[in-house]
Amino acid sequence: MCRNIRTLYHFEPPVTDTEIGAAALQFVRKVSGFTRPSEVNRKAFESAVAEVSGTVRHLLDSLVTNTAPRNREVEAARARARSARRFGPDRKGLTPNA
């Protein structure tokens, strides 16, 4: 699975159509192998993104749970802490070895 696609379900505030569209775009890019499709493939690419977005929205709207929604800020802090444990606390200024 593409690293840039994040869990969208069961957060407070709820996921937006923009976030769903970004995840759908990443998915279609990964599956197609195109970052930017050629002009001849643009319509098919954009259609696929729209279809995936609609399917994801339908899925998220159909899921049911009894737990309280997760807080985005708390989950982001947990992810930063995991990253710091894994890679070290200061990864911002690093550049690739030349």
C-alpha atoms as a PDB file:
ATOM      1  CA  MET A   1       0.000   0.000   0.000  1.00  0.00           C
ATOM      2  CA  CYS A   2       1.147   3.509  -0.715  1.00  0.00           C
ATOM      3  CA  ARG A   3       2.662   5.188   2.335  1.00  0.00           C
ATOM      4  CA  ASN A   4       0.876   8.467   1.636  1.00  0.00           C
ATOM      5  CA  ILE A   5      -2.586   6.971   1.963  1.00  0.00           C
ATOM      6  CA  ARG A   6      -3.739   7.372   5.545  1.00  0.00           C
ATOM      7  CA  THR A   7      -6.652   5.973   7.506  1.00  0.00           C
ATOM      8  CA  LEU A   8      -9.639   8.251   6.968  1.00  0.00           C
ATOM      9  CA  TYR A   9     -12.327   6.508   8.985  1.00  0.00           C
ATOM     10  CA  HIS A  10     -13.655   7.487  12.387  1.00  0.00           C
ATOM     11  CA  PHE A  11     -11.930  10.789  13.143  1.00  0.00           C
ATOM     12  CA  GLU A  12     -13.209  13.973  14.700  1.00  0.00           C
ATOM     13  CA  PRO A  13     -13.629  16.207  12.777  1.00  0.00           C
ATOM     14  CA  PRO A  14     -14.887  13.868  10.035  1.00  0.00           C
ATOM     15  CA  VAL A  15     -12.922  13.370   6.848  1.00  0.00           C
ATOM     16  CA  THR A  16     -13.490  15.938   4.110  1.00  0.00           C
ATOM     17  CA  ASP A  17     -14.109  15.341   0.412  1.00  0.00           C
ATOM     18  CA  THR A  18     -10.736  16.997  -0.242  1.00  0.00           C
ATOM     19  CA  GLU A  19      -8.957  14.412   1.926  1.00  0.00           C
ATOM     20  CA  ILE A  20     -10.824  11.581   0.220  1.00  0.00           C
ATOM     21  CA  GLY A  21      -9.929  13.024  -3.185  1.00  0.00           C
ATOM     22  CA  ALA A  22      -6.237  13.266  -2.234  1.00  0.00           C
ATOM     23  CA  ALA A  23      -6.205   9.627  -1.092  1.00  0.00           C
ATOM     24  CA  ALA A  24      -7.995   8.542  -4.274  1.00  0.00           C
ATOM     25  CA  LEU A  25      -5.488  10.464  -6.387  1.00  0.00           C
ATOM     26  CA  GLN A  26      -2.571   8.750  -4.603  1.00  0.00           C
ATOM     27  CA  PHE A  27      -4.203   5.353  -5.110  1.00  0.00           C
ATOM     28  CA  VAL A  28      -4.814   5.918  -8.825  1.00  0.00           C
ATOM     29  CA  ARG A  29      -1.265   7.235  -9.265  1.00  0.00           C
ATOM     30  CA  LYS A  30       0.117   4.129  -7.573  1.00  0.00           C
ATOM     31  CA  VAL A  31      -2.018   1.698  -9.566  1.00  0.00           C
ATOM     32  CA  SER A  32      -1.497   3.416 -12.933  1.00  0.00           C
ATOM     33  CA  GLY A  33       2.157   4.296 -12.496  1.00  0.00           C
ATOM     34  CA  PHE A  34       1.440   7.864 -13.674  1.00  0.00           C
ATOM     35  CA  THR A  35       2.206  10.917 -11.591  1.00  0.00           C
ATOM     36  CA  ARG A  36       0.730  13.080 -14.313  1.00  0.00           C
ATOM     37  CA  PRO A  37      -1.072  11.255 -17.109  1.00  0.00           C
ATOM     38  CA  SER A  38      -0.599  12.242 -20.739  1.00  0.00           C
ATOM     39  CA  GLU A  39      -3.307  14.326 -22.354  1.00  0.00           C
ATOM     40  CA  VAL A  40      -4.723  11.248 -24.083  1.00  0.00           C
ATOM     41  CA  ASN A  41      -5.044   9.443 -20.713  1.00  0.00           C
ATOM     42  CA  ARG A  42      -6.184  12.416 -18.625  1.00  0.00           C
ATOM     43  CA  LYS A  43      -9.919  11.724 -18.937  1.00  0.00           C
ATOM     44  CA  ALA A  44      -9.563   8.074 -17.902  1.00  0.00           C
ATOM     45  CA  PHE A  45      -7.271   9.065 -15.019  1.00  0.00           C
ATOM     46  CA  GLU A  46      -9.625  11.762 -13.702  1.00  0.00           C
ATOM     47  CA  SER A  47     -12.601   9.434 -14.108  1.00  0.00           C
ATOM     48  CA  ALA A  48     -10.825   6.773 -12.046  1.00  0.00           C
ATOM     49  CA  VAL A  49     -10.029   9.309  -9.297  1.00  0.00           C
ATOM     50  CA  ALA A  50     -13.695  10.398  -9.203  1.00  0.00           C
ATOM     51  CA  GLU A  51     -14.937   6.797  -9.068  1.00  0.00           C
ATOM     52  CA  VAL A  52     -12.521   5.832  -6.303  1.00  0.00           C
ATOM     53  CA  SER A  53     -13.476   8.975  -4.348  1.00  0.00           C
ATOM     54  CA  GLY A  54     -17.172   8.137  -4.616  1.00  0.00           C
ATOM     55  CA  THR A  55     -16.591   4.538  -3.583  1.00  0.00           C
ATOM     56  CA  VAL A  56     -14.514   5.594  -0.573  1.00  0.00           C
ATOM     57  CA  ARG A  57     -17.164   8.138   0.498  1.00  0.00           C
ATOM     58  CA  HIS A  58     -19.846   5.426   0.213  1.00  0.00           C
ATOM     59  CA  LEU A  59     -17.707   3.021   2.245  1.00  0.00           C
ATOM     60  CA  LEU A  60     -16.964   5.532   5.000  1.00  0.00           C
ATOM     61  CA  ASP A  61     -20.613   6.563   5.211  1.00  0.00           C
ATOM     62  CA  SER A  62     -21.676   2.892   5.458  1.00  0.00           C
ATOM     63  CA  LEU A  63     -19.283   1.781   8.208  1.00  0.00           C
ATOM     64  CA  VAL A  64     -20.650   1.488  11.753  1.00  0.00           C
ATOM     65  CA  THR A  65     -18.820   1.538  15.076  1.00  0.00           C
ATOM     66  CA  ASN A  66     -19.694   1.969  18.742  1.00  0.00           C
ATOM     67  CA  THR A  67     -16.398   3.580  19.789  1.00  0.00           C
ATOM     68  CA  ALA A  68     -15.755   7.276  20.135  1.00  0.00           C
ATOM     69  CA  PRO A  69     -14.088   8.979  17.149  1.00  0.00           C
ATOM     70  CA  ARG A  70     -10.315   9.406  17.283  1.00  0.00           C
ATOM     71  CA  ASN A  71      -8.856  12.876  17.636  1.00  0.00           C
ATOM     72  CA  ARG A  72      -6.689  13.923  14.680  1.00  0.00           C
ATOM     73  CA  GLU A  73      -4.224  15.910  16.796  1.00  0.00           C
ATOM     74  CA  VAL A  74      -3.724  13.047  19.266  1.00  0.00           C
ATOM     75  CA  GLU A  75      -3.183  10.548  16.448  1.00  0.00           C
ATOM     76  CA  ALA A  76      -0.726  12.913  14.722  1.00  0.00           C
ATOM     77  CA  ALA A  77       1.240  13.302  17.971  1.00  0.00           C
ATOM     78  CA  ARG A  78       1.378   9.520  18.345  1.00  0.00           C
ATOM     79  CA  ALA A  79       2.648   9.181  14.770  1.00  0.00           C
ATOM     80  CA  ARG A  80       5.351  11.808  15.411  1.00  0.00           C
ATOM     81  CA  ALA A  81       6.419   9.962  18.571  1.00  0.00           C
ATOM     82  CA  ARG A  82       6.628   6.653  16.652  1.00  0.00           C
ATOM     83  CA  SER A  83       8.682   8.353  13.969  1.00  0.00           C
ATOM     84  CA  ALA A  84      11.040   9.900  16.540  1.00  0.00           C
ATOM     85  CA  ARG A  85      11.561   6.481  18.173  1.00  0.00           C
ATOM     86  CA  ARG A  86      12.215   4.894  14.797  1.00  0.00           C
ATOM     87  CA  PHE A  87      14.329   7.531  13.063  1.00  0.00           C
ATOM     88  CA  GLY A  88      15.523   9.874  15.813  1.00  0.00           C
ATOM     89  CA  PRO A  89      14.023  13.083  17.170  1.00  0.00           C
ATOM     90  CA  ASP A  90      15.423  15.519  14.562  1.00  0.00           C
ATOM     91  CA  ARG A  91      14.916  14.439  10.953  1.00  0.00           C
ATOM     92  CA  LYS A  92      13.842  17.798   9.522  1.00  0.00           C
ATOM     93  CA  GLY A  93      17.223  19.169   8.425  1.00  0.00           C
ATOM     94  CA  LEU A  94      18.654  15.979   6.980  1.00  0.00           C
ATOM     95  CA  THR A  95      19.701  15.781   3.359  1.00  0.00           C
ATOM     96  CA  PRO A  96      20.592  12.668   1.372  1.00  0.00           C
ATOM     97  CA  ASN A  97      24.240  11.651   1.343  1.00  0.00           C
ATOM     98  CA  ALA A  98      26.008  12.942  -1.742  1.00  0.00           C
END
